[in-house]
N, C-alpha and C. Protein backbone atom coordinates (compact mmCIF):
# COMPACT_ATOMS: atom_id res chain seq x y z
N MET A 1 0.82 -1.19 0.00
CA MET A 1 0.00 0.00 0.00
C MET A 1 0.87 1.25 0.00
N VAL A 2 1.95 1.21 0.77
CA VAL A 2 2.86 2.35 0.84
C VAL A 2 3.53 2.55 -0.51
N LYS A 3 3.88 1.42 -1.17
CA LYS A 3 4.49 1.49 -2.48
C LYS A 3 3.55 2.16 -3.47
N PHE A 4 2.30 1.79 -3.43
CA PHE A 4 1.30 2.33 -4.34
C PHE A 4 1.13 3.84 -4.13
N SER A 5 1.10 4.29 -2.88
CA SER A 5 0.97 5.71 -2.56
C SER A 5 2.20 6.47 -3.02
N PHE A 6 3.37 5.89 -2.81
CA PHE A 6 4.61 6.53 -3.21
C PHE A 6 4.67 6.69 -4.72
N ILE A 7 4.31 5.68 -5.46
CA ILE A 7 4.30 5.71 -6.93
C ILE A 7 3.27 6.72 -7.41
N SER A 8 2.12 6.79 -6.77
CA SER A 8 1.08 7.74 -7.15
C SER A 8 1.57 9.18 -6.96
N VAL A 9 2.25 9.44 -5.88
CA VAL A 9 2.77 10.79 -5.61
C VAL A 9 3.81 11.17 -6.64
N ILE A 10 4.69 10.27 -7.01
CA ILE A 10 5.73 10.55 -8.01
C ILE A 10 5.09 10.81 -9.37
N LEU A 11 4.10 10.01 -9.75
CA LEU A 11 3.41 10.23 -11.03
C LEU A 11 2.71 11.58 -11.06
N MET A 12 2.10 11.98 -9.97
CA MET A 12 1.43 13.28 -9.91
C MET A 12 2.44 14.41 -10.05
N MET A 13 3.60 14.26 -9.43
CA MET A 13 4.63 15.29 -9.52
C MET A 13 5.15 15.42 -10.95
N LEU A 14 5.29 14.31 -11.63
CA LEU A 14 5.79 14.34 -13.00
C LEU A 14 4.77 14.95 -13.96
N THR A 15 3.51 14.70 -13.76
CA THR A 15 2.49 15.18 -14.68
C THR A 15 2.08 16.62 -14.42
N THR A 16 2.39 17.17 -13.26
CA THR A 16 2.01 18.55 -12.97
C THR A 16 3.09 19.54 -13.36
N GLY A 17 4.18 19.09 -13.92
CA GLY A 17 5.25 20.00 -14.36
C GLY A 17 4.78 20.85 -15.53
N VAL A 18 5.49 21.92 -15.78
CA VAL A 18 5.15 22.83 -16.87
C VAL A 18 5.60 22.21 -18.19
N THR A 19 4.69 22.15 -19.12
CA THR A 19 5.03 21.62 -20.44
C THR A 19 4.75 22.68 -21.48
N GLN A 20 5.57 22.70 -22.51
CA GLN A 20 5.37 23.63 -23.61
C GLN A 20 5.35 22.84 -24.91
N ALA A 21 4.39 23.14 -25.74
CA ALA A 21 4.33 22.50 -27.04
C ALA A 21 5.19 23.29 -28.02
N SER A 22 5.86 22.59 -28.92
CA SER A 22 6.69 23.27 -29.90
C SER A 22 5.84 23.98 -30.95
N GLN A 23 4.59 23.58 -31.07
CA GLN A 23 3.66 24.27 -31.95
C GLN A 23 2.26 24.17 -31.35
N ASP A 24 1.34 24.88 -31.91
CA ASP A 24 -0.03 24.93 -31.41
C ASP A 24 -0.67 23.55 -31.56
N PRO A 25 -1.10 22.93 -30.46
CA PRO A 25 -1.69 21.59 -30.55
C PRO A 25 -3.06 21.59 -31.23
N THR A 26 -3.69 22.75 -31.36
CA THR A 26 -5.00 22.79 -32.01
C THR A 26 -4.90 23.10 -33.50
N ALA A 27 -3.68 23.36 -34.00
CA ALA A 27 -3.50 23.67 -35.42
C ALA A 27 -3.60 22.41 -36.25
N PRO A 28 -3.99 22.54 -37.53
CA PRO A 28 -4.04 21.38 -38.42
C PRO A 28 -2.66 20.76 -38.59
N LEU A 29 -2.64 19.47 -38.92
CA LEU A 29 -1.36 18.78 -39.10
C LEU A 29 -0.56 19.40 -40.23
N GLY A 30 0.70 19.59 -40.01
CA GLY A 30 1.58 20.13 -41.04
C GLY A 30 1.54 21.65 -41.16
N TRP A 31 0.70 22.30 -40.40
CA TRP A 31 0.59 23.75 -40.49
C TRP A 31 1.69 24.39 -39.66
N SER A 32 2.25 25.48 -40.15
CA SER A 32 3.21 26.24 -39.37
C SER A 32 2.87 27.72 -39.50
N ALA A 33 3.21 28.47 -38.50
CA ALA A 33 2.90 29.90 -38.49
C ALA A 33 3.65 30.60 -39.61
N PRO A 34 3.02 31.57 -40.25
CA PRO A 34 3.71 32.29 -41.33
C PRO A 34 4.88 33.10 -40.78
N THR A 35 5.93 33.19 -41.58
CA THR A 35 7.09 33.96 -41.17
C THR A 35 6.85 35.43 -41.46
N LYS A 36 7.46 36.29 -40.66
CA LYS A 36 7.30 37.73 -40.85
C LYS A 36 8.19 38.18 -41.99
N LYS A 37 7.60 38.95 -42.89
CA LYS A 37 8.36 39.50 -44.01
C LYS A 37 8.99 40.81 -43.60
N GLN A 38 10.22 40.99 -44.02
CA GLN A 38 10.88 42.25 -43.75
C GLN A 38 10.43 43.26 -44.78
N THR A 39 9.98 44.40 -44.31
CA THR A 39 9.53 45.44 -45.23
C THR A 39 10.67 46.43 -45.43
N ALA A 40 10.82 46.84 -46.66
CA ALA A 40 11.86 47.81 -46.97
C ALA A 40 11.46 49.17 -46.44
N LYS A 41 12.42 49.88 -45.95
CA LYS A 41 12.14 51.21 -45.45
C LYS A 41 11.88 52.13 -46.63
N ARG A 42 10.73 52.75 -46.61
CA ARG A 42 10.34 53.59 -47.73
C ARG A 42 10.88 55.00 -47.51
N SER A 43 11.53 55.52 -48.55
CA SER A 43 12.02 56.89 -48.46
C SER A 43 11.18 57.75 -49.39
N TYR A 44 10.74 58.85 -48.89
CA TYR A 44 9.89 59.74 -49.66
C TYR A 44 10.74 60.78 -50.38
N VAL A 45 10.22 61.25 -51.52
CA VAL A 45 10.90 62.29 -52.27
C VAL A 45 11.00 63.52 -51.37
N PRO A 46 12.16 64.16 -51.32
CA PRO A 46 12.32 65.32 -50.43
C PRO A 46 11.35 66.45 -50.79
N THR A 47 11.08 67.29 -49.82
CA THR A 47 10.22 68.44 -50.02
C THR A 47 11.09 69.67 -50.29
N LEU A 48 10.82 70.35 -51.40
CA LEU A 48 11.54 71.57 -51.74
C LEU A 48 10.94 72.72 -50.94
N GLN A 49 11.77 73.39 -50.16
CA GLN A 49 11.29 74.48 -49.31
C GLN A 49 11.73 75.85 -49.80
N SER A 50 12.91 75.92 -50.42
CA SER A 50 13.41 77.21 -50.87
C SER A 50 14.54 77.01 -51.87
N ILE A 51 14.73 78.02 -52.72
CA ILE A 51 15.87 78.07 -53.63
C ILE A 51 16.55 79.42 -53.42
N LEU A 52 17.85 79.40 -53.15
CA LEU A 52 18.60 80.62 -52.88
C LEU A 52 19.71 80.77 -53.91
N CYS A 53 19.76 81.93 -54.58
CA CYS A 53 20.80 82.20 -55.57
C CYS A 53 21.50 83.50 -55.22
N ASP A 54 22.83 83.54 -55.41
CA ASP A 54 23.58 84.77 -55.16
C ASP A 54 23.82 85.52 -56.47
N GLU A 55 24.61 86.61 -56.42
CA GLU A 55 24.86 87.42 -57.61
C GLU A 55 25.61 86.65 -58.69
N ALA A 56 26.40 85.68 -58.31
CA ALA A 56 27.19 84.90 -59.28
C ALA A 56 26.39 83.72 -59.83
N ASP A 57 25.09 83.72 -59.61
CA ASP A 57 24.19 82.65 -60.06
C ASP A 57 24.57 81.28 -59.49
N THR A 58 25.17 81.28 -58.32
CA THR A 58 25.41 80.04 -57.61
C THR A 58 24.20 79.79 -56.73
N CYS A 59 23.51 78.70 -56.99
CA CYS A 59 22.25 78.44 -56.28
C CYS A 59 22.38 77.24 -55.35
N THR A 60 21.64 77.32 -54.26
CA THR A 60 21.48 76.19 -53.34
C THR A 60 19.99 76.00 -53.10
N ALA A 61 19.63 74.81 -52.72
CA ALA A 61 18.23 74.50 -52.45
C ALA A 61 18.10 74.00 -51.02
N ILE A 62 16.97 74.29 -50.43
CA ILE A 62 16.69 73.75 -49.10
C ILE A 62 15.64 72.66 -49.28
N LEU A 63 16.10 71.42 -49.03
CA LEU A 63 15.26 70.24 -49.15
C LEU A 63 15.21 69.56 -47.79
N ASN A 64 14.02 69.33 -47.28
CA ASN A 64 13.85 68.68 -45.96
C ASN A 64 14.68 69.37 -44.88
N ASP A 65 14.65 70.69 -44.85
CA ASP A 65 15.35 71.51 -43.86
C ASP A 65 16.87 71.40 -43.95
N VAL A 66 17.40 70.97 -45.10
CA VAL A 66 18.85 70.85 -45.29
C VAL A 66 19.23 71.68 -46.52
N SER A 67 20.21 72.57 -46.37
CA SER A 67 20.69 73.38 -47.49
C SER A 67 21.75 72.59 -48.24
N ILE A 68 21.50 72.33 -49.53
CA ILE A 68 22.46 71.56 -50.33
C ILE A 68 22.67 72.24 -51.68
N GLY A 69 23.85 72.03 -52.23
CA GLY A 69 24.19 72.56 -53.54
C GLY A 69 24.08 71.48 -54.60
N LEU A 70 24.39 71.87 -55.81
CA LEU A 70 24.33 70.95 -56.94
C LEU A 70 25.22 69.74 -56.68
N GLY A 71 24.69 68.54 -56.82
CA GLY A 71 25.44 67.31 -56.57
C GLY A 71 25.33 66.82 -55.14
N GLY A 72 24.71 67.62 -54.27
CA GLY A 72 24.54 67.23 -52.87
C GLY A 72 23.46 66.17 -52.73
N LYS A 73 23.46 65.50 -51.59
CA LYS A 73 22.49 64.43 -51.34
C LYS A 73 21.67 64.72 -50.10
N VAL A 74 20.40 64.34 -50.16
CA VAL A 74 19.51 64.40 -49.01
C VAL A 74 18.53 63.24 -49.12
N SER A 75 18.42 62.47 -48.05
CA SER A 75 17.52 61.30 -47.98
C SER A 75 17.75 60.32 -49.12
N GLY A 76 18.99 60.20 -49.58
CA GLY A 76 19.32 59.26 -50.65
C GLY A 76 19.09 59.80 -52.05
N TYR A 77 18.61 61.03 -52.19
CA TYR A 77 18.37 61.66 -53.48
C TYR A 77 19.49 62.65 -53.77
N THR A 78 19.92 62.72 -55.05
CA THR A 78 20.99 63.62 -55.46
C THR A 78 20.38 64.81 -56.20
N LEU A 79 20.79 66.01 -55.82
CA LEU A 79 20.33 67.22 -56.48
C LEU A 79 21.10 67.37 -57.79
N THR A 80 20.41 67.25 -58.92
CA THR A 80 21.08 67.24 -60.23
C THR A 80 20.91 68.52 -61.02
N HIS A 81 19.88 69.33 -60.71
CA HIS A 81 19.63 70.54 -61.49
C HIS A 81 18.91 71.56 -60.63
N ILE A 82 19.33 72.84 -60.72
CA ILE A 82 18.67 73.90 -59.96
C ILE A 82 18.30 75.03 -60.92
N GLN A 83 17.05 75.42 -60.90
CA GLN A 83 16.53 76.58 -61.63
C GLN A 83 15.96 77.56 -60.62
N ASP A 84 15.45 78.68 -61.09
CA ASP A 84 14.87 79.68 -60.19
C ASP A 84 13.63 79.18 -59.46
N ASP A 85 12.83 78.34 -60.13
CA ASP A 85 11.56 77.92 -59.53
C ASP A 85 11.38 76.42 -59.39
N PHE A 86 12.38 75.64 -59.77
CA PHE A 86 12.30 74.18 -59.58
C PHE A 86 13.70 73.59 -59.49
N VAL A 87 13.75 72.37 -58.93
CA VAL A 87 14.99 71.59 -58.89
C VAL A 87 14.68 70.18 -59.39
N THR A 88 15.72 69.49 -59.78
CA THR A 88 15.58 68.09 -60.20
C THR A 88 16.44 67.24 -59.28
N VAL A 89 15.84 66.18 -58.73
CA VAL A 89 16.59 65.23 -57.91
C VAL A 89 16.51 63.87 -58.58
N SER A 90 17.51 63.03 -58.33
CA SER A 90 17.53 61.70 -58.94
C SER A 90 17.91 60.66 -57.91
N ARG A 91 17.46 59.45 -58.19
CA ARG A 91 17.80 58.31 -57.35
C ARG A 91 17.51 57.05 -58.12
N GLY A 92 18.46 56.15 -58.17
CA GLY A 92 18.26 54.86 -58.83
C GLY A 92 17.89 54.97 -60.30
N GLY A 93 18.43 55.96 -61.00
CA GLY A 93 18.16 56.12 -62.43
C GLY A 93 16.85 56.84 -62.73
N LYS A 94 16.11 57.23 -61.72
CA LYS A 94 14.86 57.97 -61.92
C LYS A 94 15.06 59.42 -61.51
N GLN A 95 14.28 60.32 -62.12
CA GLN A 95 14.39 61.74 -61.81
C GLN A 95 13.03 62.29 -61.41
N TRP A 96 13.06 63.27 -60.50
CA TRP A 96 11.85 63.95 -60.04
C TRP A 96 12.09 65.44 -60.16
N ARG A 97 11.08 66.15 -60.67
CA ARG A 97 11.12 67.60 -60.75
C ARG A 97 10.29 68.14 -59.58
N LEU A 98 10.95 68.89 -58.72
CA LEU A 98 10.28 69.46 -57.55
C LEU A 98 10.12 70.95 -57.79
N GLU A 99 8.88 71.40 -57.83
CA GLU A 99 8.61 72.81 -58.08
C GLU A 99 8.49 73.57 -56.78
N LEU A 100 8.92 74.82 -56.84
CA LEU A 100 8.90 75.65 -55.65
C LEU A 100 7.48 76.02 -55.25
N PHE A 101 6.65 76.29 -56.22
CA PHE A 101 5.26 76.64 -55.93
C PHE A 101 4.35 75.58 -56.52
N ALA A 102 3.37 75.18 -55.75
CA ALA A 102 2.42 74.15 -56.19
C ALA A 102 1.50 74.72 -57.27
N ASP A 103 1.00 73.84 -58.13
CA ASP A 103 0.11 74.25 -59.21
C ASP A 103 -1.26 74.70 -58.70
N ASN A 104 -1.62 74.28 -57.51
CA ASN A 104 -2.96 74.57 -57.01
C ASN A 104 -3.04 75.80 -56.12
N ILE A 105 -2.08 76.71 -56.24
CA ILE A 105 -2.14 77.96 -55.48
C ILE A 105 -3.19 78.85 -56.13
N LYS A 106 -4.07 79.35 -55.33
CA LYS A 106 -5.14 80.21 -55.84
C LYS A 106 -4.75 81.67 -55.62
N ILE A 107 -5.02 82.49 -56.62
CA ILE A 107 -4.75 83.92 -56.50
C ILE A 107 -6.00 84.59 -55.96
N ILE A 108 -5.84 85.34 -54.89
CA ILE A 108 -6.96 86.03 -54.28
C ILE A 108 -7.01 87.46 -54.81
N GLU A 109 -8.11 87.84 -55.42
CA GLU A 109 -8.26 89.20 -55.95
C GLU A 109 -8.88 90.09 -54.89
N ARG A 110 -8.40 91.30 -54.84
CA ARG A 110 -8.93 92.26 -53.85
C ARG A 110 -9.66 93.37 -54.50
């Protein structure tokens, strides 16, 4: 009788331990959780804020609060062309024309 009680106590101790399943026991056979995909960090085209030119026609542009000259880089984009009212930036073989004033500015008549 003592043997039986002792064996019962040992079995209870073994079965009450913490167990962890390597996968969800309620999932269908052969199913595994989907892996997380790494998303590429998206960089947005810089915002043109100002164009500054001196008497010698040397111009700089302010893009994303950074003053850069021709050939300078901001947010991975290279400043390739500066005019009085627009600049051109390039990245990865593509070019973007950034205008100083938006097309949708309304003129208010007084």
